[in-house]
Amino acid sequence: MNDDRKNGEVVSAKEVYPALVQLAIHAESITWNRFYNFLMANSILVLAWATIFASSLSDRPGPKTVLAAICILGGASGVAWAGLAVRGRKFLFDFVGLAQAIETAPAHWAGTLGAVEPLSTDANLRDTQPFRWAGSLYLLVYGSLSRGCTPRCLWFLLVGAWQPCRWVPPRLPSSSS
């Protein structure tokens, strides 16, 4: 039995700490992989939108409806991925916070890791750097929102592609005597 365990603990803090570090690394990679997947999916939507818009059929009601649907899907996906980014970063911050609590508890480390405190040092560095507002949380959230909504929807509104179709029925030959 491990002699680091105290008061009937099933797992000691020295055994939990590496798991928390790995969970933090895993949460970090998941959020960036999700963002990459979002950018790929969104690029496909942008390409589809541009292809339909550039086609000669873009002034008809069917393609305009598809263009509007692509814009709505792009905006909704941006909101969804921003929510996933917030959720993923919350997991990361929670795991780092739990590991920091273990780092700062002197009873667990007896001077070995307590002198270094890698996660606490990293958090302090992160929080004291200039341009903190440009951190990964903000990039993931606002990047998803802006990439999902801005390019197509603003272009869609600026160009005026969602104007009612002006279909003019063909003129019948007039019967003049």
C-alpha atoms as a PDB file:
ATOM      1  CA  MET A   1       0.000   0.000   0.000  1.00  0.00           C
ATOM      2  CA  ASN A   2       1.220   3.487  -0.793  1.00  0.00           C
ATOM      3  CA  ASP A   3       2.479   5.256   2.326  1.00  0.00           C
ATOM      4  CA  ASP A   4       1.465   8.694   0.920  1.00  0.00           C
ATOM      5  CA  ARG A   5      -2.187   7.960   1.660  1.00  0.00           C
ATOM      6  CA  LYS A   6      -3.583   9.530   4.784  1.00  0.00           C
ATOM      7  CA  ASN A   7      -6.780   9.090   6.780  1.00  0.00           C
ATOM      8  CA  GLY A   8      -8.103   6.182   4.759  1.00  0.00           C
ATOM      9  CA  GLU A   9      -7.678   7.870   1.356  1.00  0.00           C
ATOM     10  CA  VAL A  10      -8.199   5.519  -1.552  1.00  0.00           C
ATOM     11  CA  VAL A  11      -5.947   7.571  -3.838  1.00  0.00           C
ATOM     12  CA  SER A  12      -3.234   9.947  -2.694  1.00  0.00           C
ATOM     13  CA  ALA A  13      -2.783  13.483  -3.969  1.00  0.00           C
ATOM     14  CA  LYS A  14       0.485  12.446  -5.617  1.00  0.00           C
ATOM     15  CA  GLU A  15      -1.480   9.894  -7.639  1.00  0.00           C
ATOM     16  CA  VAL A  16      -4.265  12.338  -8.538  1.00  0.00           C
ATOM     17  CA  TYR A  17      -1.981  15.178  -9.631  1.00  0.00           C
ATOM     18  CA  PRO A  18      -0.627  13.491 -12.813  1.00  0.00           C
ATOM     19  CA  ALA A  19      -4.179  12.532 -13.795  1.00  0.00           C
ATOM     20  CA  LEU A  20      -5.302  16.150 -13.410  1.00  0.00           C
ATOM     21  CA  VAL A  21      -2.377  17.357 -15.524  1.00  0.00           C
ATOM     22  CA  GLN A  22      -3.297  14.848 -18.245  1.00  0.00           C
ATOM     23  CA  LEU A  23      -6.964  15.885 -18.065  1.00  0.00           C
ATOM     24  CA  ALA A  24      -5.930  19.537 -18.468  1.00  0.00           C
ATOM     25  CA  ILE A  25      -3.798  18.656 -21.505  1.00  0.00           C
ATOM     26  CA  HIS A  26      -6.673  16.606 -22.925  1.00  0.00           C
ATOM     27  CA  ALA A  27      -9.185  19.444 -22.401  1.00  0.00           C
ATOM     28  CA  GLU A  28      -6.790  21.849 -24.141  1.00  0.00           C
ATOM     29  CA  SER A  29      -6.377  19.626 -27.180  1.00  0.00           C
ATOM     30  CA  ILE A  30     -10.106  18.910 -27.415  1.00  0.00           C
ATOM     31  CA  THR A  31     -11.021  22.603 -27.538  1.00  0.00           C
ATOM     32  CA  TRP A  32      -8.486  23.318 -30.277  1.00  0.00           C
ATOM     33  CA  ASN A  33      -9.550  20.248 -32.266  1.00  0.00           C
ATOM     34  CA  ARG A  34     -13.168  21.383 -32.043  1.00  0.00           C
ATOM     35  CA  PHE A  35     -12.181  24.827 -33.288  1.00  0.00           C
ATOM     36  CA  TYR A  36     -10.255  23.287 -36.187  1.00  0.00           C
ATOM     37  CA  ASN A  37     -13.289  21.145 -37.097  1.00  0.00           C
ATOM     38  CA  PHE A  38     -15.495  24.219 -36.923  1.00  0.00           C
ATOM     39  CA  LEU A  39     -13.193  26.159 -39.255  1.00  0.00           C
ATOM     40  CA  MET A  40     -13.193  23.286 -41.756  1.00  0.00           C
ATOM     41  CA  ALA A  41     -16.988  22.907 -41.679  1.00  0.00           C
ATOM     42  CA  ASN A  42     -17.458  26.655 -41.905  1.00  0.00           C
ATOM     43  CA  SER A  43     -15.093  26.882 -44.865  1.00  0.00           C
ATOM     44  CA  ILE A  44     -17.234  24.342 -46.695  1.00  0.00           C
ATOM     45  CA  LEU A  45     -20.319  26.463 -45.987  1.00  0.00           C
ATOM     46  CA  VAL A  46     -18.543  29.585 -47.251  1.00  0.00           C
ATOM     47  CA  LEU A  47     -17.519  27.754 -50.417  1.00  0.00           C
ATOM     48  CA  ALA A  48     -21.063  26.480 -50.987  1.00  0.00           C
ATOM     49  CA  TRP A  49     -22.486  29.952 -50.397  1.00  0.00           C
ATOM     50  CA  ALA A  50     -20.014  31.593 -52.790  1.00  0.00           C
ATOM     51  CA  THR A  51     -20.622  28.961 -55.464  1.00  0.00           C
ATOM     52  CA  ILE A  52     -24.380  29.430 -55.359  1.00  0.00           C
ATOM     53  CA  PHE A  53     -24.101  33.210 -55.162  1.00  0.00           C
ATOM     54  CA  ALA A  54     -21.784  33.359 -58.175  1.00  0.00           C
ATOM     55  CA  SER A  55     -23.999  31.116 -60.249  1.00  0.00           C
ATOM     56  CA  SER A  56     -26.418  32.545 -62.773  1.00  0.00           C
ATOM     57  CA  LEU A  57     -29.319  31.092 -60.793  1.00  0.00           C
ATOM     58  CA  SER A  58     -28.731  33.186 -57.657  1.00  0.00           C
ATOM     59  CA  ASP A  59     -31.523  35.629 -58.535  1.00  0.00           C
ATOM     60  CA  ARG A  60     -34.222  32.966 -58.384  1.00  0.00           C
ATOM     61  CA  PRO A  61     -36.195  32.166 -55.222  1.00  0.00           C
ATOM     62  CA  GLY A  62     -34.834  28.612 -54.732  1.00  0.00           C
ATOM     63  CA  PRO A  63     -31.135  29.516 -54.601  1.00  0.00           C
ATOM     64  CA  LYS A  64     -31.900  32.578 -52.479  1.00  0.00           C
ATOM     65  CA  THR A  65     -33.592  30.328 -49.959  1.00  0.00           C
ATOM     66  CA  VAL A  66     -30.561  28.030 -49.970  1.00  0.00           C
ATOM     67  CA  LEU A  67     -28.283  31.052 -49.487  1.00  0.00           C
ATOM     68  CA  ALA A  68     -30.377  32.176 -46.528  1.00  0.00           C
ATOM     69  CA  ALA A  69     -30.330  28.649 -45.072  1.00  0.00           C
ATOM     70  CA  ILE A  70     -26.537  28.491 -45.381  1.00  0.00           C
ATOM     71  CA  CYS A  71     -26.251  31.852 -43.586  1.00  0.00           C
ATOM     72  CA  ILE A  72     -28.531  30.663 -40.795  1.00  0.00           C
ATOM     73  CA  LEU A  73     -26.637  27.373 -40.505  1.00  0.00           C
ATOM     74  CA  GLY A  74     -23.319  29.235 -40.390  1.00  0.00           C
ATOM     75  CA  GLY A  75     -24.551  31.564 -37.651  1.00  0.00           C
ATOM     76  CA  ALA A  76     -26.064  28.733 -35.623  1.00  0.00           C
ATOM     77  CA  SER A  77     -22.891  26.672 -35.929  1.00  0.00           C
ATOM     78  CA  GLY A  78     -20.836  29.642 -34.724  1.00  0.00           C
ATOM     79  CA  VAL A  79     -23.018  29.968 -31.637  1.00  0.00           C
ATOM     80  CA  ALA A  80     -22.890  26.213 -30.997  1.00  0.00           C
ATOM     81  CA  TRP A  81     -19.120  26.026 -31.333  1.00  0.00           C
ATOM     82  CA  ALA A  82     -18.669  29.085 -29.112  1.00  0.00           C
ATOM     83  CA  GLY A  83     -20.677  27.246 -26.443  1.00  0.00           C
ATOM     84  CA  LEU A  84     -18.459  24.197 -26.879  1.00  0.00           C
ATOM     85  CA  ALA A  85     -15.394  26.430 -26.522  1.00  0.00           C
ATOM     86  CA  VAL A  86     -16.657  27.896 -23.253  1.00  0.00           C
ATOM     87  CA  ARG A  87     -17.473  24.414 -21.969  1.00  0.00           C
ATOM     88  CA  GLY A  88     -14.060  23.030 -22.945  1.00  0.00           C
ATOM     89  CA  ARG A  89     -12.187  25.945 -21.399  1.00  0.00           C
ATOM     90  CA  LYS A  90     -14.212  25.562 -18.195  1.00  0.00           C
ATOM     91  CA  PHE A  91     -13.066  21.944 -17.945  1.00  0.00           C
ATOM     92  CA  LEU A  92      -9.483  23.076 -18.509  1.00  0.00           C
ATOM     93  CA  PHE A  93      -9.667  25.787 -15.848  1.00  0.00           C
ATOM     94  CA  ASP A  94     -11.332  23.383 -13.392  1.00  0.00           C
ATOM     95  CA  PHE A  95      -8.626  20.730 -13.858  1.00  0.00           C
ATOM     96  CA  VAL A  96      -5.860  23.299 -13.539  1.00  0.00           C
ATOM     97  CA  GLY A  97      -7.517  24.729 -10.406  1.00  0.00           C
ATOM     98  CA  LEU A  98      -7.731  21.300  -8.779  1.00  0.00           C
ATOM     99  CA  ALA A  99      -4.093  20.579  -9.619  1.00  0.00           C
ATOM    100  CA  GLN A 100      -3.070  23.990  -8.251  1.00  0.00           C
ATOM    101  CA  ALA A 101      -4.849  23.163  -4.994  1.00  0.00           C
ATOM    102  CA  ILE A 102      -2.735  20.023  -4.721  1.00  0.00           C
ATOM    103  CA  GLU A 103       0.434  21.958  -5.610  1.00  0.00           C
ATOM    104  CA  THR A 104      -0.114  24.539  -2.920  1.00  0.00           C
ATOM    105  CA  ALA A 105      -0.917  22.006  -0.174  1.00  0.00           C
ATOM    106  CA  PRO A 106       2.462  21.547   1.515  1.00  0.00           C
ATOM    107  CA  ALA A 107       1.424  18.356   3.286  1.00  0.00           C
ATOM    108  CA  HIS A 108       1.229  16.473  -0.023  1.00  0.00           C
ATOM    109  CA  TRP A 109       4.596  17.356  -1.481  1.00  0.00           C
ATOM    110  CA  ALA A 110       7.011  17.823   1.399  1.00  0.00           C
ATOM    111  CA  GLY A 111       9.085  20.311  -0.582  1.00  0.00           C
ATOM    112  CA  THR A 112       9.511  18.340  -3.809  1.00  0.00           C
ATOM    113  CA  LEU A 113       6.942  19.825  -6.198  1.00  0.00           C
ATOM    114  CA  GLY A 114       5.877  22.645  -3.896  1.00  0.00           C
ATOM    115  CA  ALA A 115       9.040  24.584  -4.704  1.00  0.00           C
ATOM    116  CA  VAL A 116       8.274  24.489  -8.440  1.00  0.00           C
ATOM    117  CA  GLU A 117       4.445  24.582  -8.646  1.00  0.00           C
ATOM    118  CA  PRO A 118       4.338  24.348 -12.467  1.00  0.00           C
ATOM    119  CA  LEU A 119       0.594  24.888 -12.952  1.00  0.00           C
ATOM    120  CA  SER A 120       0.425  27.751 -10.463  1.00  0.00           C
ATOM    121  CA  THR A 121       3.423  29.400 -12.089  1.00  0.00           C
ATOM    122  CA  ASP A 122       1.868  28.941 -15.525  1.00  0.00           C
ATOM    123  CA  ALA A 123      -1.437  30.459 -14.362  1.00  0.00           C
ATOM    124  CA  ASN A 124       0.365  33.446 -12.843  1.00  0.00           C
ATOM    125  CA  LEU A 125       2.341  33.993 -16.042  1.00  0.00           C
ATOM    126  CA  ARG A 126      -0.806  33.729 -18.138  1.00  0.00           C
ATOM    127  CA  ASP A 127      -2.672  36.229 -15.970  1.00  0.00           C
ATOM    128  CA  THR A 128       0.120  38.821 -15.900  1.00  0.00           C
ATOM    129  CA  GLN A 129       0.948  38.881 -19.625  1.00  0.00           C
ATOM    130  CA  PRO A 130      -0.009  41.840 -21.814  1.00  0.00           C
ATOM    131  CA  PHE A 131      -2.879  41.316 -24.241  1.00  0.00           C
ATOM    132  CA  ARG A 132      -4.618  38.966 -21.855  1.00  0.00           C
ATOM    133  CA  TRP A 133      -7.847  39.725 -23.723  1.00  0.00           C
ATOM    134  CA  ALA A 134      -6.332  37.951 -26.737  1.00  0.00           C
ATOM    135  CA  GLY A 135      -6.111  34.627 -24.899  1.00  0.00           C
ATOM    136  CA  SER A 136      -7.325  31.305 -26.172  1.00  0.00           C
ATOM    137  CA  LEU A 137     -10.741  31.498 -24.489  1.00  0.00           C
ATOM    138  CA  TYR A 138     -11.558  34.748 -26.245  1.00  0.00           C
ATOM    139  CA  LEU A 139     -10.096  33.539 -29.526  1.00  0.00           C
ATOM    140  CA  LEU A 140     -12.113  30.324 -29.426  1.00  0.00           C
ATOM    141  CA  VAL A 141     -15.384  31.995 -28.456  1.00  0.00           C
ATOM    142  CA  TYR A 142     -15.264  35.192 -30.487  1.00  0.00           C
ATOM    143  CA  GLY A 143     -13.512  33.485 -33.391  1.00  0.00           C
ATOM    144  CA  SER A 144     -16.331  30.965 -33.633  1.00  0.00           C
ATOM    145  CA  LEU A 145     -19.000  33.643 -33.394  1.00  0.00           C
ATOM    146  CA  SER A 146     -17.426  35.973 -35.917  1.00  0.00           C
ATOM    147  CA  ARG A 147     -16.469  33.236 -38.349  1.00  0.00           C
ATOM    148  CA  GLY A 148     -19.916  31.721 -38.095  1.00  0.00           C
ATOM    149  CA  CYS A 149     -21.912  34.904 -38.496  1.00  0.00           C
ATOM    150  CA  THR A 150     -20.039  37.792 -39.998  1.00  0.00           C
ATOM    151  CA  PRO A 151     -18.664  36.883 -43.425  1.00  0.00           C
ATOM    152  CA  ARG A 152     -21.708  35.416 -45.105  1.00  0.00           C
ATOM    153  CA  CYS A 153     -24.479  37.131 -43.209  1.00  0.00           C
ATOM    154  CA  LEU A 154     -23.086  40.641 -43.552  1.00  0.00           C
ATOM    155  CA  TRP A 155     -22.233  40.074 -47.189  1.00  0.00           C
ATOM    156  CA  PHE A 156     -25.667  38.605 -47.650  1.00  0.00           C
ATOM    157  CA  LEU A 157     -27.270  41.740 -46.174  1.00  0.00           C
ATOM    158  CA  LEU A 158     -24.940  44.229 -47.871  1.00  0.00           C
ATOM    159  CA  VAL A 159     -25.363  42.817 -51.335  1.00  0.00           C
ATOM    160  CA  GLY A 160     -29.093  42.691 -50.876  1.00  0.00           C
ATOM    161  CA  ALA A 161     -29.423  39.161 -52.094  1.00  0.00           C
ATOM    162  CA  TRP A 162     -32.545  38.676 -50.006  1.00  0.00           C
ATOM    163  CA  GLN A 163     -34.729  41.008 -51.973  1.00  0.00           C
ATOM    164  CA  PRO A 164     -38.056  39.719 -53.157  1.00  0.00           C
ATOM    165  CA  CYS A 165     -37.826  38.174 -56.567  1.00  0.00           C
ATOM    166  CA  ARG A 166     -39.016  40.468 -59.238  1.00  0.00           C
ATOM    167  CA  TRP A 167     -40.479  37.922 -61.531  1.00  0.00           C
ATOM    168  CA  VAL A 168     -42.190  39.543 -64.436  1.00  0.00           C
ATOM    169  CA  PRO A 169     -44.635  37.357 -66.306  1.00  0.00           C
ATOM    170  CA  PRO A 170     -44.001  37.150 -70.047  1.00  0.00           C
ATOM    171  CA  ARG A 171     -45.995  39.588 -72.084  1.00  0.00           C
ATOM    172  CA  LEU A 172     -48.576  38.217 -74.365  1.00  0.00           C
ATOM    173  CA  PRO A 173     -48.590  39.623 -77.846  1.00  0.00           C
ATOM    174  CA  SER A 174     -51.073  42.410 -78.006  1.00  0.00           C
ATOM    175  CA  SER A 175     -53.856  42.038 -80.424  1.00  0.00           C
ATOM    176  CA  SER A 176     -54.026  45.355 -82.128  1.00  0.00           C
ATOM    177  CA  SER A 177     -56.206  45.765 -85.127  1.00  0.00           C
END
